[in-house]
C-alpha atoms as a PDB file:
ATOM      1  CA  UNK A   1     100.155  83.752 109.937  1.00  0.00           C
ATOM      2  CA  UNK A   2      97.265  86.065 109.514  1.00  0.00           C
ATOM      3  CA  UNK A   3      97.634  90.030 108.611  1.00  0.00           C
ATOM      4  CA  UNK A   4      94.906  92.211 107.045  1.00  0.00           C
ATOM      5  CA  UNK A   5      95.757  92.657 103.308  1.00  0.00           C
ATOM      6  CA  UNK A   6      95.782  96.657 103.452  1.00  0.00           C
ATOM      7  CA  UNK A   7      96.051  99.515 105.428  1.00  0.00           C
ATOM      8  CA  UNK A   8      94.204 102.925 104.435  1.00  0.00           C
ATOM      9  CA  UNK A   9      94.724 106.143 105.896  1.00  0.00           C
ATOM     10  CA  UNK A  10      92.156 109.113 105.503  1.00  0.00           C
ATOM     11  CA  UNK A  11      93.416 112.502 103.895  1.00  0.00           C
ATOM     12  CA  UNK A  12      95.878 113.773 106.230  1.00  0.00           C
ATOM     13  CA  UNK A  13      97.132 117.128 105.807  1.00  0.00           C
ATOM     14  CA  UNK A  14     100.694 117.772 104.820  1.00  0.00           C
ATOM     15  CA  UNK A  15     103.235 118.262 107.617  1.00  0.00           C
ATOM     16  CA  UNK A  16     100.974 116.486 110.025  1.00  0.00           C
ATOM     17  CA  UNK A  17     101.216 112.621 110.944  1.00  0.00           C
ATOM     18  CA  UNK A  18      98.581 109.783 111.063  1.00  0.00           C
ATOM     19  CA  UNK A  19      99.233 106.309 112.632  1.00  0.00           C
ATOM     20  CA  UNK A  20      97.636 102.677 112.028  1.00  0.00           C
ATOM     21  CA  UNK A  21      98.012  99.710 114.023  1.00  0.00           C
ATOM     22  CA  UNK A  22      98.389  96.514 112.043  1.00  0.00           C
ATOM     23  CA  UNK A  23      98.358  93.135 113.810  1.00  0.00           C
ATOM     24  CA  UNK A  24     100.396  90.180 112.843  1.00  0.00           C
ATOM     25  CA  UNK A  25      98.732  87.074 114.350  1.00  0.00           C
ATOM     26  CA  UNK A  26     100.449  83.595 114.900  1.00  0.00           C
ATOM     27  CA  UNK A  27      97.309  81.051 114.443  1.00  0.00           C
ATOM     28  CA  UNK A  28      99.347  78.093 115.573  1.00  0.00           C
ATOM     29  CA  UNK A  29      98.706  76.938 118.975  1.00  0.00           C
ATOM     30  CA  UNK A  30     101.972  74.924 119.541  1.00  0.00           C
ATOM     31  CA  UNK A  31     104.875  76.698 117.010  1.00  0.00           C
ATOM     32  CA  UNK A  32     106.854  79.841 117.353  1.00  0.00           C
ATOM     33  CA  UNK A  33     106.521  81.492 114.083  1.00  0.00           C
ATOM     34  CA  UNK A  34     109.801  83.490 112.782  1.00  0.00           C
ATOM     35  CA  UNK A  35     108.815  86.417 110.779  1.00  0.00           C
ATOM     36  CA  UNK A  36     110.675  89.260 108.803  1.00  0.00           C
ATOM     37  CA  UNK A  37     108.957  92.687 108.602  1.00  0.00           C
ATOM     38  CA  UNK A  38     109.928  94.761 105.612  1.00  0.00           C
ATOM     39  CA  UNK A  39     110.478  98.476 105.684  1.00  0.00           C
ATOM     40  CA  UNK A  40     108.369 101.171 104.142  1.00  0.00           C
ATOM     41  CA  UNK A  41     109.796 104.497 102.441  1.00  0.00           C
ATOM     42  CA  UNK A  42     108.584 107.946 102.884  1.00  0.00           C
ATOM     43  CA  UNK A  43     105.950 108.943 103.622  1.00  0.00           C
ATOM     44  CA  UNK A  44     105.209 106.002 105.295  1.00  0.00           C
ATOM     45  CA  UNK A  45     107.436 104.218 108.205  1.00  0.00           C
ATOM     46  CA  UNK A  46     106.816 100.809 110.163  1.00  0.00           C
ATOM     47  CA  UNK A  47     107.576 100.442 113.516  1.00  0.00           C
ATOM     48  CA  UNK A  48     109.750  97.152 114.414  1.00  0.00           C
ATOM     49  CA  UNK A  49     110.750  95.932 111.135  1.00  0.00           C
ATOM     50  CA  UNK A  50     113.366  93.083 110.925  1.00  0.00           C
ATOM     51  CA  UNK A  51     113.248  89.614 112.036  1.00  0.00           C
ATOM     52  CA  UNK A  52     111.001  88.606 115.148  1.00  0.00           C
ATOM     53  CA  UNK A  53     109.485  85.579 116.808  1.00  0.00           C
ATOM     54  CA  UNK A  54     105.939  85.256 117.622  1.00  0.00           C
ATOM     55  CA  UNK A  55     104.967  82.902 119.932  1.00  0.00           C
ATOM     56  CA  UNK A  56     102.098  80.434 119.489  1.00  0.00           C
ATOM     57  CA  UNK A  57      98.879  82.283 119.414  1.00  0.00           C
ATOM     58  CA  UNK A  58     100.626  85.629 119.801  1.00  0.00           C
ATOM     59  CA  UNK A  59      99.211  88.889 118.162  1.00  0.00           C
ATOM     60  CA  UNK A  60     101.988  91.407 118.205  1.00  0.00           C
ATOM     61  CA  UNK A  61     101.097  94.841 116.647  1.00  0.00           C
ATOM     62  CA  UNK A  62     103.166  97.018 114.374  1.00  0.00           C
ATOM     63  CA  UNK A  63     102.526 100.957 114.008  1.00  0.00           C
ATOM     64  CA  UNK A  64     102.230 102.344 110.528  1.00  0.00           C
ATOM     65  CA  UNK A  65     102.994 106.107 110.120  1.00  0.00           C
ATOM     66  CA  UNK A  66     102.102 108.383 107.445  1.00  0.00           C
ATOM     67  CA  UNK A  67     103.453 111.771 107.003  1.00  0.00           C
ATOM     68  CA  UNK A  68     102.720 113.241 103.992  1.00  0.00           C
ATOM     69  CA  UNK A  69     104.698 115.904 102.184  1.00  0.00           C
ATOM     70  CA  UNK A  70     102.888 116.640  99.289  1.00  0.00           C
ATOM     71  CA  UNK A  71      99.015 116.533  98.312  1.00  0.00           C
ATOM     72  CA  UNK A  72      98.002 113.494  96.374  1.00  0.00           C
ATOM     73  CA  UNK A  73      98.142 109.582  96.707  1.00  0.00           C
ATOM     74  CA  UNK A  74     101.023 107.467  98.016  1.00  0.00           C
ATOM     75  CA  UNK A  75     100.838 103.960  97.855  1.00  0.00           C
ATOM     76  CA  UNK A  76     103.609 101.199  98.954  1.00  0.00           C
ATOM     77  CA  UNK A  77     103.724  97.290  99.599  1.00  0.00           C
ATOM     78  CA  UNK A  78     104.921  96.210 103.018  1.00  0.00           C
ATOM     79  CA  UNK A  79     106.138  92.541 102.538  1.00  0.00           C
ATOM     80  CA  UNK A  80     106.068  90.287 105.594  1.00  0.00           C
ATOM     81  CA  UNK A  81     107.584  86.837 105.186  1.00  0.00           C
ATOM     82  CA  UNK A  82     107.242  83.915 107.805  1.00  0.00           C
ATOM     83  CA  UNK A  83     108.023  80.355 108.364  1.00  0.00           C
ATOM     84  CA  UNK A  84     104.400  79.648 108.175  1.00  0.00           C
ATOM     85  CA  UNK A  85     104.218  76.754 105.511  1.00  0.00           C
ATOM     86  CA  UNK A  86     100.471  77.764 104.548  1.00  0.00           C
ATOM     87  CA  UNK A  87     101.149  81.490 104.533  1.00  0.00           C
ATOM     88  CA  UNK A  88     104.963  82.284 103.917  1.00  0.00           C
ATOM     89  CA  UNK A  89     104.483  85.485 102.297  1.00  0.00           C
ATOM     90  CA  UNK A  90     101.908  88.387 102.654  1.00  0.00           C
ATOM     91  CA  UNK A  91     101.834  91.622 101.131  1.00  0.00           C
ATOM     92  CA  UNK A  92      99.962  94.455 102.877  1.00  0.00           C
ATOM     93  CA  UNK A  93      99.134  97.360 100.441  1.00  0.00           C
ATOM     94  CA  UNK A  94      99.573 100.710 102.460  1.00  0.00           C
ATOM     95  CA  UNK A  95      97.716 103.722 101.044  1.00  0.00           C
ATOM     96  CA  UNK A  96      97.665 107.518 102.159  1.00  0.00           C
ATOM     97  CA  UNK A  97      96.141 110.585 100.692  1.00  0.00           C
ATOM     98  CA  UNK A  98      98.215 113.923 101.516  1.00  0.00           C
ATOM     99  CA  UNK A  99      95.792 116.826 102.014  1.00  0.00           C
ATOM    100  CA  UNK A 100      96.712 120.517 101.874  1.00  0.00           C
ATOM    101  CA  UNK A 101      97.954 122.093 104.996  1.00  0.00           C
ATOM    102  CA  UNK A 102      95.151 123.705 107.348  1.00  0.00           C
END
């Protein structure tokens, strides 16, 4: 399994929403990968949390959303576990900075 180690949002005004894409890749050419995608709490959200199977060579994309409700930095970890014997757990740091409303 291959996935970025972090997702960083630019400063986002309170009350608005920003999105980023995170790709989870199955590097195997012969084995289906079972993955469990964790959840994120406010002010972040992740699409498609839960259990999934990724076909050999597959590269599904997740959408991570940042909707700040206050000024300042927010940070959480998204945990992705898998049946990959070489990389069974990945922690993705998700960081965003809430800015003043326009």
